[in-house]
């Protein structure tokens, strides 16, 4: 007997018919003799509706009350799925975050899971009862309902799987796995049978929308095998997230990711001296702005230099405001920004053993007349910043260059 966690996203539970279908998938696993816990999202569109109501009443609302409101979506789904399971003869009960309990930080709206006590759930699972867990929520140190931020149900599912020491966590969604790139841009993109945790973490953080970044971090930390598969075609096989050692053939590049949510800021003629970076990035951190790619030009005279970095497009105004407020401390001559840029990345654990991977990327983009504005690298990825208008051309060209097209 295996212990598995099944997670269903908003489109999978969008209406009563789909909830019935989900119940049939859960029953199939129960009939196979597994102990099953299910984590659910709110029905498609419900969270946006609840967020909209809260903001309409007060743009500067209390974050604790915001969590009370938006957590209701998952509560409704959990209850409905438990009802649907009972209706087809499967013993089930719903669990809210505070009932398990899922302990989180007190950062309401974007809390982080600190601990999960699986004792009560394990007792019920051992009795053959399905645990239907409301994702996205927990209980904070102030004893108030907390939520984990957008995509938090993925995080809930993997964290529950880790706490239960489950054999596997199945993430059911509206796609049938992880692809080499976005099939909407490259029709020849291939579904991957396996992908290493590290690769998936890079792809999630670099723009791939299949899984939430924190869920992959937890899976990698606790070595929870995670399978991504389609609610509507669960026999397709999906994609397994696993250890690097479990992948026999390590191609130089596994996938191509892209993000349009990018903006570039350049500070010109700043003092070329120790501590200047702290005077720039300290105020940005205080303003809650996350900085991604950074490049500093070589100083010609030893006194002044230029520095370029990227932030998310939604945080551009906040970043510029923080820089302007600290202009005297930074000492720049002028600042420019560009919101019409995008990031394209190649990812693959095989890069460690294959020289020339980055050179291929630069050559292909050059042949297509695409100018590279910023470059950043890690052991298993290379990212470049380019003009947004060239994103699709770049992704298609790179996908073919690294022989990722479906045969």
Protein backbone atom coordinates (compact mmCIF):
# COMPACT_ATOMS: atom_id res chain seq x y z
CA UNK A 1 0.00 0.00 0.00
CA UNK A 2 1.32 3.42 -1.00
CA UNK A 3 0.51 6.78 0.48
CA UNK A 4 -0.07 9.42 -2.20
CA UNK A 5 -1.11 13.07 -2.29
CA UNK A 6 -3.22 14.27 -5.22
CA UNK A 7 -3.53 18.00 -5.95
CA UNK A 8 -6.19 19.55 -8.21
CA UNK A 9 -6.00 23.14 -9.49
CA UNK A 10 -8.78 25.61 -10.15
CA UNK A 11 -9.62 24.49 -13.69
CA UNK A 12 -9.82 20.87 -12.47
CA UNK A 13 -12.56 21.79 -9.96
CA UNK A 14 -14.17 24.61 -11.94
CA UNK A 15 -17.75 23.31 -11.60
CA UNK A 16 -19.72 20.44 -10.09
CA UNK A 17 -19.21 18.13 -13.09
CA UNK A 18 -15.46 18.54 -12.84
CA UNK A 19 -15.56 17.98 -9.08
CA UNK A 20 -17.42 14.72 -9.76
CA UNK A 21 -14.71 13.78 -12.26
CA UNK A 22 -12.01 14.55 -9.68
CA UNK A 23 -13.87 12.37 -7.18
CA UNK A 24 -13.76 9.49 -9.69
CA UNK A 25 -9.97 9.91 -10.07
CA UNK A 26 -9.55 9.84 -6.30
CA UNK A 27 -11.77 6.74 -6.04
CA UNK A 28 -9.60 5.01 -8.65
CA UNK A 29 -6.55 5.43 -6.41
CA UNK A 30 -8.48 4.32 -3.31
CA UNK A 31 -9.67 1.20 -5.17
CA UNK A 32 -6.03 0.42 -5.95
CA UNK A 33 -5.43 0.17 -2.21
CA UNK A 34 -3.64 3.49 -1.67
CA UNK A 35 -3.98 5.83 1.28
CA UNK A 36 -4.97 9.13 -0.32
CA UNK A 37 -4.81 12.78 0.73
CA UNK A 38 -6.13 15.38 -1.71
CA UNK A 39 -5.21 19.07 -1.80
CA UNK A 40 -7.53 21.41 -3.70
CA UNK A 41 -7.50 24.95 -5.03
CA UNK A 42 -10.49 27.27 -5.22
CA UNK A 43 -12.81 26.81 -8.19
CA UNK A 44 -11.53 28.67 -11.26
CA UNK A 45 -12.18 32.41 -10.97
CA UNK A 46 -13.26 32.31 -7.31
CA UNK A 47 -10.04 33.70 -5.83
CA UNK A 48 -9.99 36.59 -8.31
CA UNK A 49 -13.58 37.38 -7.37
CA UNK A 50 -12.84 37.36 -3.65
CA UNK A 51 -9.71 39.49 -4.11
CA UNK A 52 -11.72 41.95 -6.23
CA UNK A 53 -14.42 42.30 -3.59
CA UNK A 54 -11.85 42.96 -0.88
CA UNK A 55 -10.02 45.61 -2.90
CA UNK A 56 -13.26 47.27 -3.98
CA UNK A 57 -14.29 47.75 -0.36
CA UNK A 58 -10.87 49.05 0.68
CA UNK A 59 -7.65 49.27 -1.36
CA UNK A 60 -5.72 49.50 1.94
CA UNK A 61 -7.45 46.58 3.63
CA UNK A 62 -6.23 44.66 6.69
CA UNK A 63 -4.14 41.76 5.37
CA UNK A 64 -5.50 39.47 8.09
CA UNK A 65 -9.10 40.03 6.96
CA UNK A 66 -7.98 39.64 3.34
CA UNK A 67 -6.75 36.15 4.23
CA UNK A 68 -10.07 35.28 5.89
CA UNK A 69 -11.90 36.21 2.69
CA UNK A 70 -9.65 34.64 0.04
CA UNK A 71 -9.12 31.40 2.00
CA UNK A 72 -12.86 30.75 1.69
CA UNK A 73 -12.48 29.59 -1.93
CA UNK A 74 -10.44 26.51 -1.00
CA UNK A 75 -12.73 25.79 1.96
CA UNK A 76 -15.72 25.55 -0.37
CA UNK A 77 -13.93 23.24 -2.80
CA UNK A 78 -12.68 20.94 -0.03
CA UNK A 79 -16.19 20.58 1.37
CA UNK A 80 -17.74 19.96 -2.04
CA UNK A 81 -15.17 17.30 -2.98
CA UNK A 82 -15.69 15.53 0.36
CA UNK A 83 -19.43 15.51 -0.36
CA UNK A 84 -18.83 14.20 -3.90
CA UNK A 85 -16.59 11.40 -2.60
CA UNK A 86 -19.12 10.36 0.03
CA UNK A 87 -21.80 10.26 -2.66
CA UNK A 88 -19.87 7.56 -4.57
CA UNK A 89 -19.12 5.49 -1.48
CA UNK A 90 -15.67 6.82 -0.55
CA UNK A 91 -15.14 7.74 3.11
CA UNK A 92 -13.79 11.31 3.19
CA UNK A 93 -13.59 14.44 5.32
CA UNK A 94 -12.37 17.96 4.65
CA UNK A 95 -9.46 19.57 6.48
CA UNK A 96 -8.84 23.31 6.70
CA UNK A 97 -5.36 24.63 7.33
CA UNK A 98 -5.97 25.36 11.01
CA UNK A 99 -7.44 21.91 11.64
CA UNK A 100 -4.34 19.94 10.60
CA UNK A 101 -2.65 22.32 11.62
CA UNK A 102 -0.46 23.93 8.96
CA UNK A 103 1.65 26.43 10.92
CA UNK A 104 2.87 29.44 8.95
CA UNK A 105 4.65 32.74 9.40
CA UNK A 106 2.55 35.83 10.14
CA UNK A 107 3.23 37.44 6.75
CA UNK A 108 -0.45 37.53 5.78
CA UNK A 109 -1.08 37.19 2.06
CA UNK A 110 2.31 35.58 1.40
CA UNK A 111 2.98 33.39 4.44
CA UNK A 112 5.56 30.61 4.46
CA UNK A 113 4.89 27.16 5.90
CA UNK A 114 6.85 26.53 9.10
CA UNK A 115 5.51 23.13 10.15
CA UNK A 116 2.75 20.61 9.52
CA UNK A 117 1.56 18.12 12.15
CA UNK A 118 0.36 15.02 10.23
CA UNK A 119 -0.70 13.00 13.30
CA UNK A 120 -4.48 13.34 13.01
CA UNK A 121 -4.47 12.96 9.24
CA UNK A 122 -2.34 9.83 9.45
CA UNK A 123 -4.81 8.31 11.91
CA UNK A 124 -7.72 8.91 9.51
CA UNK A 125 -5.73 7.72 6.48
CA UNK A 126 -4.91 4.48 8.31
CA UNK A 127 -8.66 3.99 8.81
CA UNK A 128 -9.18 4.22 5.03
CA UNK A 129 -10.57 7.76 5.02
CA UNK A 130 -9.56 10.21 2.28
CA UNK A 131 -8.26 13.54 3.63
CA UNK A 132 -9.42 16.47 1.49
CA UNK A 133 -7.16 19.40 2.37
CA UNK A 134 -7.92 23.04 1.56
CA UNK A 135 -4.75 24.28 -0.10
CA UNK A 136 -3.25 27.77 -0.02
CA UNK A 137 -3.96 28.29 3.70
CA UNK A 138 -2.71 27.72 7.21
CA UNK A 139 -2.72 29.29 10.66
CA UNK A 140 -0.25 32.02 11.55
CA UNK A 141 1.58 32.63 14.80
CA UNK A 142 -1.03 35.27 15.70
CA UNK A 143 -3.66 32.49 15.58
CA UNK A 144 -5.28 33.98 12.48
CA UNK A 145 -5.97 32.32 9.11
CA UNK A 146 -3.07 32.87 6.71
CA UNK A 147 -2.61 32.36 2.98
CA UNK A 148 0.50 31.42 1.01
CA UNK A 149 0.23 33.70 -2.02
CA UNK A 150 -0.73 32.88 -5.59
CA UNK A 151 0.04 29.29 -6.56
CA UNK A 152 0.12 28.39 -2.88
CA UNK A 153 -1.97 25.24 -3.32
CA UNK A 154 0.97 23.58 -5.11
CA UNK A 155 3.11 24.46 -2.11
CA UNK A 156 0.46 23.10 0.28
CA UNK A 157 0.28 19.80 -1.62
CA UNK A 158 4.02 19.14 -1.68
CA UNK A 159 4.41 20.23 1.96
CA UNK A 160 1.59 17.87 3.01
CA UNK A 161 3.25 15.08 1.02
CA UNK A 162 6.55 15.75 2.79
CA UNK A 163 4.87 15.80 6.22
CA UNK A 164 2.99 12.56 5.52
CA UNK A 165 6.16 11.00 4.04
CA UNK A 166 4.07 10.16 1.00
CA UNK A 167 5.43 7.94 -1.74
CA UNK A 168 4.41 10.45 -4.41
CA UNK A 169 2.66 13.77 -4.97
CA UNK A 170 0.55 14.00 -8.14
CA UNK A 171 -0.17 17.54 -9.35
CA UNK A 172 -3.22 17.44 -11.65
CA UNK A 173 -3.62 20.46 -13.88
CA UNK A 174 -4.90 21.46 -17.32
CA UNK A 175 -1.70 20.40 -19.12
CA UNK A 176 -0.35 16.87 -19.45
CA UNK A 177 3.13 17.55 -18.12
CA UNK A 178 6.20 19.76 -18.39
CA UNK A 179 7.24 20.66 -21.93
CA UNK A 180 10.59 21.66 -23.39
CA UNK A 181 9.06 25.11 -23.89
CA UNK A 182 5.67 26.78 -24.30
CA UNK A 183 3.76 24.74 -26.94
CA UNK A 184 1.79 27.86 -27.85
CA UNK A 185 5.01 29.35 -29.23
CA UNK A 186 6.67 26.16 -30.43
CA UNK A 187 4.13 23.57 -31.63
CA UNK A 188 6.95 20.99 -31.83
CA UNK A 189 7.70 21.28 -28.10
CA UNK A 190 7.99 17.86 -26.44
CA UNK A 191 6.59 16.63 -23.16
CA UNK A 192 9.39 15.53 -20.84
CA UNK A 193 9.03 12.14 -19.15
CA UNK A 194 11.42 13.20 -16.38
CA UNK A 195 12.97 16.45 -15.22
CA UNK A 196 15.44 17.01 -12.40
CA UNK A 197 14.33 19.06 -9.39
CA UNK A 198 17.04 21.65 -10.11
CA UNK A 199 15.93 22.05 -13.72
CA UNK A 200 12.27 22.45 -12.74
CA UNK A 201 13.21 25.00 -10.09
CA UNK A 202 15.05 27.07 -12.69
CA UNK A 203 12.21 26.74 -15.20
CA UNK A 204 9.59 27.74 -12.60
CA UNK A 205 11.59 30.76 -11.45
CA UNK A 206 12.39 31.81 -15.03
CA UNK A 207 8.85 31.97 -16.32
CA UNK A 208 7.41 28.46 -16.74
CA UNK A 209 3.92 28.48 -15.19
CA UNK A 210 3.41 24.74 -14.64
CA UNK A 211 4.47 24.69 -10.97
CA UNK A 212 4.90 27.30 -8.27
CA UNK A 213 8.56 27.87 -7.35
CA UNK A 214 8.21 27.22 -3.62
CA UNK A 215 6.52 23.87 -4.25
CA UNK A 216 9.55 22.74 -6.26
CA UNK A 217 11.90 23.97 -3.52
CA UNK A 218 10.08 21.83 -0.94
CA UNK A 219 10.02 18.81 -3.26
CA UNK A 220 13.78 19.12 -3.80
CA UNK A 221 14.54 19.67 -0.10
CA UNK A 222 12.53 16.67 1.11
CA UNK A 223 13.06 14.54 -2.01
CA UNK A 224 9.34 14.16 -2.68
CA UNK A 225 8.75 12.58 -6.12
CA UNK A 226 6.27 14.86 -7.90
CA UNK A 227 4.32 13.96 -11.01
CA UNK A 228 2.62 16.61 -13.18
CA UNK A 229 -0.29 15.27 -15.24
CA UNK A 230 -3.59 16.26 -16.79
CA UNK A 231 -6.89 15.99 -14.95
CA UNK A 232 -8.59 15.44 -18.28
CA UNK A 233 -6.16 12.85 -19.70
CA UNK A 234 -4.57 11.20 -16.67
CA UNK A 235 -3.43 8.21 -18.75
CA UNK A 236 -1.03 10.39 -20.76
CA UNK A 237 1.82 9.66 -18.33
CA UNK A 238 2.74 13.19 -17.27
CA UNK A 239 6.19 14.36 -16.17
CA UNK A 240 8.07 13.10 -13.11
CA UNK A 241 10.22 15.48 -11.04
CA UNK A 242 13.08 13.45 -9.62
CA UNK A 243 16.73 13.43 -8.57
CA UNK A 244 19.36 14.13 -11.20
CA UNK A 245 20.75 10.62 -10.69
CA UNK A 246 17.44 9.13 -11.89
CA UNK A 247 17.86 10.66 -15.36
CA UNK A 248 20.07 8.52 -17.61
CA UNK A 249 20.34 10.75 -20.69
CA UNK A 250 21.38 14.26 -19.70
CA UNK A 251 21.06 16.49 -22.76
CA UNK A 252 22.95 19.81 -22.73
CA UNK A 253 19.66 21.73 -22.68
CA UNK A 254 16.40 20.37 -21.28
CA UNK A 255 14.14 23.34 -21.90
CA UNK A 256 13.70 26.96 -22.91
CA UNK A 257 11.90 29.37 -20.55
CA UNK A 258 10.90 32.98 -21.08
CA UNK A 259 9.41 35.83 -19.08
CA UNK A 260 7.80 38.99 -20.40
CA UNK A 261 7.42 40.44 -16.89
CA UNK A 262 10.77 42.22 -17.02
CA UNK A 263 12.01 45.81 -16.83
CA UNK A 264 15.54 47.17 -17.08
CA UNK A 265 16.99 50.04 -15.06
CA UNK A 266 20.38 51.66 -15.76
CA UNK A 267 22.18 54.06 -13.43
CA UNK A 268 24.85 56.06 -15.23
CA UNK A 269 28.05 57.54 -13.86
CA UNK A 270 27.80 56.22 -10.33
CA UNK A 271 30.89 56.32 -8.07
CA UNK A 272 33.14 53.29 -8.68
CA UNK A 273 33.92 52.60 -5.04
CA UNK A 274 33.21 50.00 -2.33
CA UNK A 275 29.71 50.17 -0.86
CA UNK A 276 27.95 51.80 -3.80
CA UNK A 277 26.02 48.60 -4.62
CA UNK A 278 24.68 48.53 -1.05
CA UNK A 279 23.41 52.09 -1.38
CA UNK A 280 21.45 51.01 -4.48
CA UNK A 281 20.13 47.58 -3.59
CA UNK A 282 19.53 48.27 0.11
CA UNK A 283 16.69 50.76 -0.53
CA UNK A 284 15.26 48.46 -3.22
CA UNK A 285 15.14 45.58 -0.74
CA UNK A 286 13.52 47.85 1.85
CA UNK A 287 10.88 48.75 -0.75
CA UNK A 288 10.16 45.04 -1.36
CA UNK A 289 11.63 45.08 -4.89
CA UNK A 290 13.26 41.86 -6.05
CA UNK A 291 16.31 42.43 -8.27
CA UNK A 292 17.23 39.76 -10.82
CA UNK A 293 19.96 40.25 -13.43
CA UNK A 294 22.82 42.66 -12.62
CA UNK A 295 25.70 43.86 -14.81
CA UNK A 296 28.28 46.55 -14.04
CA UNK A 297 30.43 48.07 -16.75
CA UNK A 298 34.18 48.27 -16.37
CA UNK A 299 35.21 51.71 -15.15
CA UNK A 300 37.41 53.54 -17.67
CA UNK A 301 38.76 56.20 -15.34
CA UNK A 302 38.52 54.31 -12.06
CA UNK A 303 36.05 56.85 -10.70
CA UNK A 304 32.66 56.45 -12.45
CA UNK A 305 30.82 53.44 -13.88
CA UNK A 306 27.38 52.35 -15.13
CA UNK A 307 25.19 49.69 -13.50
CA UNK A 308 22.22 47.88 -15.07
CA UNK A 309 19.78 45.54 -13.35
CA UNK A 310 16.33 44.08 -13.93
CA UNK A 311 13.16 43.97 -11.84
CA UNK A 312 9.68 42.68 -12.58
CA UNK A 313 7.67 45.06 -14.74
CA UNK A 314 5.02 45.40 -12.03
CA UNK A 315 7.68 46.68 -9.60
CA UNK A 316 9.32 49.18 -11.98
CA UNK A 317 7.55 52.27 -10.61
CA UNK A 318 8.32 51.26 -7.02
CA UNK A 319 11.97 50.63 -7.90
CA UNK A 320 12.38 54.01 -9.61
CA UNK A 321 10.73 55.74 -6.65
CA UNK A 322 13.16 54.08 -4.20
CA UNK A 323 16.14 55.10 -6.36
CA UNK A 324 14.93 58.68 -6.68
CA UNK A 325 14.44 58.98 -2.92
CA UNK A 326 18.04 57.86 -2.39
CA UNK A 327 19.58 59.81 -5.27
CA UNK A 328 21.94 61.86 -3.11
CA UNK A 329 23.33 58.78 -1.34
CA UNK A 330 23.80 56.84 -4.61
CA UNK A 331 25.30 59.74 -6.54
CA UNK A 332 24.28 58.77 -10.07
CA UNK A 333 24.25 61.25 -12.96
CA UNK A 334 21.04 59.97 -14.56
CA UNK A 335 18.75 56.94 -14.58
CA UNK A 336 16.98 55.29 -17.52
CA UNK A 337 14.44 52.48 -17.63
CA UNK A 338 12.93 50.19 -20.26
CA UNK A 339 9.78 48.12 -19.76
CA UNK A 340 9.82 46.61 -23.27
CA UNK A 341 12.27 43.82 -22.54
CA UNK A 342 12.01 40.09 -21.89
CA UNK A 343 14.19 37.32 -20.49
CA UNK A 344 14.91 34.11 -22.39
CA UNK A 345 16.71 31.25 -20.64
CA UNK A 346 18.17 27.88 -21.56
CA UNK A 347 18.17 25.27 -18.76
CA UNK A 348 19.79 21.86 -18.44
CA UNK A 349 21.79 19.79 -15.96
CA UNK A 350 23.77 18.52 -18.97
CA UNK A 351 25.45 21.93 -19.25
CA UNK A 352 27.90 20.85 -16.56
CA UNK A 353 29.44 18.29 -18.90
CA UNK A 354 28.97 19.96 -22.30
CA UNK A 355 31.19 22.94 -23.21
CA UNK A 356 30.03 25.50 -25.77
CA UNK A 357 26.35 25.56 -24.76
CA UNK A 358 26.32 29.33 -24.11
CA UNK A 359 28.29 30.01 -27.29
CA UNK A 360 25.57 28.26 -29.31
CA UNK A 361 22.94 30.49 -27.72
CA UNK A 362 24.85 33.68 -28.50
CA UNK A 363 25.54 32.57 -32.09
CA UNK A 364 21.90 31.68 -32.79
CA UNK A 365 20.61 34.99 -31.44
CA UNK A 366 23.25 36.88 -33.45
CA UNK A 367 22.23 35.09 -36.65
CA UNK A 368 18.62 36.18 -36.02
CA UNK A 369 19.71 39.80 -35.48
CA UNK A 370 18.70 39.77 -31.82
CA UNK A 371 20.79 42.02 -29.56
CA UNK A 372 21.64 40.76 -26.07
CA UNK A 373 21.34 43.49 -23.44
CA UNK A 374 22.19 41.60 -20.22
CA UNK A 375 23.52 38.10 -19.50
CA UNK A 376 23.34 36.06 -16.30
CA UNK A 377 24.44 32.47 -15.74
CA UNK A 378 24.42 29.67 -13.21
CA UNK A 379 25.74 26.12 -13.35
CA UNK A 380 22.67 24.84 -15.23
CA UNK A 381 21.20 27.90 -16.98
CA UNK A 382 22.02 30.91 -19.13
CA UNK A 383 19.61 33.86 -19.27
CA UNK A 384 19.68 36.81 -21.63
CA UNK A 385 17.68 40.02 -21.71
CA UNK A 386 16.40 41.01 -25.15
CA UNK A 387 13.81 43.34 -26.67
CA UNK A 388 10.35 41.89 -26.02
CA UNK A 389 9.39 41.93 -29.69
CA UNK A 390 11.93 39.16 -30.38
CA UNK A 391 10.83 36.69 -27.66
CA UNK A 392 8.98 34.21 -29.86
CA UNK A 393 11.65 34.29 -32.58
CA UNK A 394 14.36 33.66 -29.98
CA UNK A 395 12.51 30.78 -28.29
CA UNK A 396 11.76 29.02 -31.60
CA UNK A 397 15.33 29.44 -32.87
CA UNK A 398 16.92 28.17 -29.64
CA UNK A 399 14.50 25.26 -29.38
CA UNK A 400 15.59 24.05 -32.81
CA UNK A 401 19.29 24.80 -32.24
CA UNK A 402 19.41 22.54 -29.19
CA UNK A 403 17.50 19.78 -31.04
CA UNK A 404 14.49 19.90 -28.75
CA UNK A 405 11.89 19.84 -31.54
CA UNK A 406 9.64 16.81 -31.57
CA UNK A 407 10.73 14.35 -34.25
